[in-house]
């Protein structure tokens, strides 16, 4: 099962839970207070051979200006 990140508003805590994909968007109980937390969307980027690439097929690869 994949791990997903959630956020609890009352105690302002981020936490991770292993859940089935079918349950990933359902609120998950906070381990600290038990309140239902909302799933956080993940952002990621890859750096490969001096280029940044976000994983989108249509994106143009560009050179890192700091290299």
Foldseek 3Di string as FASTA:
>chain_A
DDKFWWADVVVGDIDIDDDDPVCQQPFDADPPPGDTTGTDDDFDWDADPQWIGRPDPPDDIDGDPVD
